[in-house]
Amino acid sequence: RLVCAASSQASSMLAFIVSLVAYTDPAEELYGIWERNMGQNRETKLQTQYHFAYAQHLAPYRTRNNVTLLEIGANTGDSLYAWSEYFREPGATIWGMRYGVSDSRMKKCRAGAANCAKVHIHDGDQSSARDLQALVAAAFGDAFKAPATLANHEWRRAG
């Protein structure tokens, strides 16, 4: 049993030191999560250094319980599983749109059963407004309506 009688200044300093020791850089933590979950071409994916921007902008949402993340271009699912680990609250939902990737080519989720259960795959073409609307409807139901401009917009490939 530890008994500590200290001045408020000393206890404030101790609290500050404890918070410094417990601090984890969000970008480094996300990098570690990506490193664990990325499969083939891991180095290429990590060299993009997107994790710095993602961590900066997404950190405030990380511990919210009802976050829904949509990833367009999920390919074989590596990043979806990383996101399921990053957004650790049980109410988080991760949706990925893949195109032309069969179930047999999807990577096995290594993020743990609770995190893997958060991941949902939607097949569709990102250049199709109809497919994008279907993804939004699957992910949000009636809680969110795609903008009318999405329904009226003709998607064209560059070039």
Protein backbone atom coordinates (compact mmCIF):
# COMPACT_ATOMS: atom_id res chain seq x y z
CA ARG A 1 0.00 0.00 0.00
CA LEU A 2 1.37 3.38 -1.03
CA VAL A 3 0.54 6.48 0.93
CA CYS A 4 1.43 9.81 -0.57
CA ALA A 5 0.97 13.17 1.05
CA ALA A 6 2.15 15.86 -1.32
CA SER A 7 1.47 19.47 -2.03
CA SER A 8 -0.93 20.29 -4.84
CA GLN A 9 2.01 21.61 -6.88
CA ALA A 10 3.90 18.32 -6.49
CA SER A 11 0.80 16.26 -7.37
CA SER A 12 0.17 18.45 -10.43
CA MET A 13 3.76 17.85 -11.56
CA LEU A 14 3.36 14.10 -10.99
CA ALA A 15 0.13 14.11 -13.05
CA PHE A 16 1.94 15.96 -15.86
CA ILE A 17 4.82 13.45 -15.85
CA VAL A 18 2.39 10.51 -15.91
CA SER A 19 0.54 12.05 -18.86
CA LEU A 20 3.82 12.49 -20.75
CA VAL A 21 4.77 8.86 -20.17
CA ALA A 22 1.30 7.68 -21.27
CA TYR A 23 1.25 9.86 -24.42
CA THR A 24 1.30 7.97 -27.71
CA ASP A 25 1.80 9.82 -30.97
CA PRO A 26 -1.41 9.19 -32.97
CA ALA A 27 0.48 8.92 -36.28
CA GLU A 28 2.93 6.40 -34.86
CA GLU A 29 0.10 4.38 -33.34
CA LEU A 30 -1.79 4.33 -36.64
CA TYR A 31 1.42 3.38 -38.44
CA GLY A 32 1.78 0.40 -36.10
CA ILE A 33 -1.82 -0.67 -36.73
CA TRP A 34 -1.32 -0.41 -40.49
CA GLU A 35 1.94 -2.31 -40.26
CA ARG A 36 0.20 -5.20 -38.46
CA ASN A 37 -2.72 -5.34 -40.90
CA MET A 38 -1.20 -4.60 -44.29
CA GLY A 39 -0.38 -7.71 -46.26
CA GLN A 40 1.23 -7.77 -49.68
CA ASN A 41 3.10 -4.61 -50.72
CA ARG A 42 3.25 -3.51 -47.07
CA GLU A 43 6.30 -1.28 -47.55
CA THR A 44 4.76 0.52 -50.53
CA LYS A 45 1.54 1.16 -48.61
CA LEU A 46 3.40 2.42 -45.56
CA GLN A 47 5.79 4.62 -47.56
CA THR A 48 2.87 6.75 -48.76
CA GLN A 49 2.79 8.13 -45.20
CA TYR A 50 -0.94 8.76 -45.39
CA HIS A 51 -1.07 7.74 -41.73
CA PHE A 52 0.24 11.19 -40.72
CA ALA A 53 -2.68 13.00 -42.37
CA TYR A 54 -5.23 10.37 -41.38
CA ALA A 55 -4.16 10.44 -37.72
CA GLN A 56 -4.32 14.23 -37.61
CA HIS A 57 -7.82 14.45 -39.07
CA LEU A 58 -9.41 11.28 -37.70
CA ALA A 59 -8.03 11.21 -34.13
CA PRO A 60 -10.95 13.24 -32.70
CA TYR A 61 -13.39 10.58 -33.94
CA ARG A 62 -11.41 7.57 -32.83
CA THR A 63 -13.12 7.04 -29.49
CA ARG A 64 -16.64 7.97 -30.55
CA ASN A 65 -18.98 5.03 -30.42
CA ASN A 66 -21.03 5.46 -33.58
CA VAL A 67 -18.42 6.24 -36.22
CA THR A 68 -19.06 4.90 -39.72
CA LEU A 69 -16.13 4.99 -42.10
CA LEU A 70 -16.51 4.39 -45.84
CA GLU A 71 -13.48 3.41 -47.88
CA ILE A 72 -13.85 3.51 -51.64
CA GLY A 73 -11.38 1.17 -53.31
CA ALA A 74 -10.99 -1.40 -50.54
CA ASN A 75 -9.22 -3.87 -52.82
CA THR A 76 -8.44 -7.00 -50.75
CA GLY A 77 -9.43 -5.48 -47.39
CA ASP A 78 -6.09 -4.88 -45.64
CA SER A 79 -6.82 -1.26 -44.80
CA LEU A 80 -10.40 -2.06 -43.72
CA TYR A 81 -9.05 -4.31 -41.02
CA ALA A 82 -6.58 -1.63 -39.95
CA TRP A 83 -9.44 0.88 -39.66
CA SER A 84 -11.47 -1.60 -37.62
CA GLU A 85 -8.61 -1.74 -35.12
CA TYR A 86 -8.01 2.03 -35.18
CA PHE A 87 -11.66 2.89 -34.47
CA ARG A 88 -11.74 0.66 -31.42
CA GLU A 89 -15.18 1.47 -30.01
CA PRO A 90 -17.64 -1.42 -30.44
CA GLY A 91 -20.21 0.78 -32.21
CA ALA A 92 -17.81 1.73 -35.02
CA THR A 93 -18.62 0.37 -38.47
CA ILE A 94 -16.20 0.11 -41.39
CA TRP A 95 -17.55 -0.18 -44.94
CA GLY A 96 -15.40 -0.86 -47.94
CA MET A 97 -16.32 -0.73 -51.61
CA ARG A 98 -14.42 -3.17 -53.77
CA TYR A 99 -14.57 -3.71 -57.50
CA GLY A 100 -13.60 -6.90 -59.25
CA VAL A 101 -12.17 -8.60 -56.16
CA SER A 102 -13.67 -11.99 -55.35
CA ASP A 103 -14.25 -13.21 -51.81
CA SER A 104 -11.48 -15.75 -52.30
CA ARG A 105 -8.95 -12.92 -52.86
CA MET A 106 -9.95 -11.01 -49.72
CA LYS A 107 -7.31 -11.02 -47.00
CA LYS A 108 -8.00 -12.73 -43.71
CA CYS A 109 -8.76 -10.28 -40.94
CA ARG A 110 -6.04 -10.28 -38.30
CA ALA A 111 -7.50 -7.49 -36.15
CA GLY A 112 -9.33 -9.75 -33.67
CA ALA A 113 -12.88 -11.08 -33.77
CA ALA A 114 -14.53 -7.99 -32.28
CA ASN A 115 -12.82 -5.69 -34.78
CA CYS A 116 -13.35 -8.00 -37.75
CA ALA A 117 -17.10 -8.04 -37.07
CA LYS A 118 -17.18 -4.26 -37.72
CA VAL A 119 -16.08 -4.68 -41.37
CA HIS A 120 -18.62 -4.83 -44.20
CA ILE A 121 -17.81 -5.26 -47.88
CA HIS A 122 -19.89 -3.73 -50.66
CA ASP A 123 -19.27 -4.61 -54.30
CA GLY A 124 -19.52 -1.68 -56.69
CA ASP A 125 -17.89 0.62 -59.19
CA GLN A 126 -16.74 3.96 -57.79
CA SER A 127 -17.46 5.62 -61.15
CA SER A 128 -21.14 4.66 -60.86
CA ALA A 129 -23.42 7.09 -59.02
CA ARG A 130 -25.90 4.24 -58.53
CA ASP A 131 -23.26 2.06 -56.87
CA LEU A 132 -22.11 4.92 -54.63
CA GLN A 133 -25.70 5.61 -53.60
CA ALA A 134 -26.16 1.91 -52.82
CA LEU A 135 -23.05 2.00 -50.60
CA VAL A 136 -24.34 5.05 -48.71
CA ALA A 137 -27.77 3.41 -48.29
CA ALA A 138 -26.18 0.16 -47.02
CA ALA A 139 -23.94 1.99 -44.57
CA PHE A 140 -26.36 4.62 -43.25
CA GLY A 141 -29.87 3.49 -44.16
CA ASP A 142 -32.31 6.37 -43.80
CA ALA A 143 -30.00 8.28 -41.44
CA PHE A 144 -28.16 9.91 -44.34
CA LYS A 145 -29.24 10.79 -47.84
CA ALA A 146 -26.75 11.15 -50.64
CA PRO A 147 -26.75 14.68 -52.08
CA ALA A 148 -29.07 15.18 -55.04
CA THR A 149 -26.06 16.22 -57.11
CA LEU A 150 -24.68 12.71 -56.71
CA ALA A 151 -27.80 11.25 -58.27
CA ASN A 152 -27.69 13.71 -61.17
CA HIS A 153 -23.96 13.73 -61.72
CA GLU A 154 -22.47 11.76 -64.58
CA TRP A 155 -19.23 10.19 -63.51
CA ARG A 156 -16.53 10.14 -66.13
CA ARG A 157 -13.04 8.80 -66.08
CA ALA A 158 -10.24 11.26 -66.59
CA GLY A 159 -8.40 11.02 -69.87
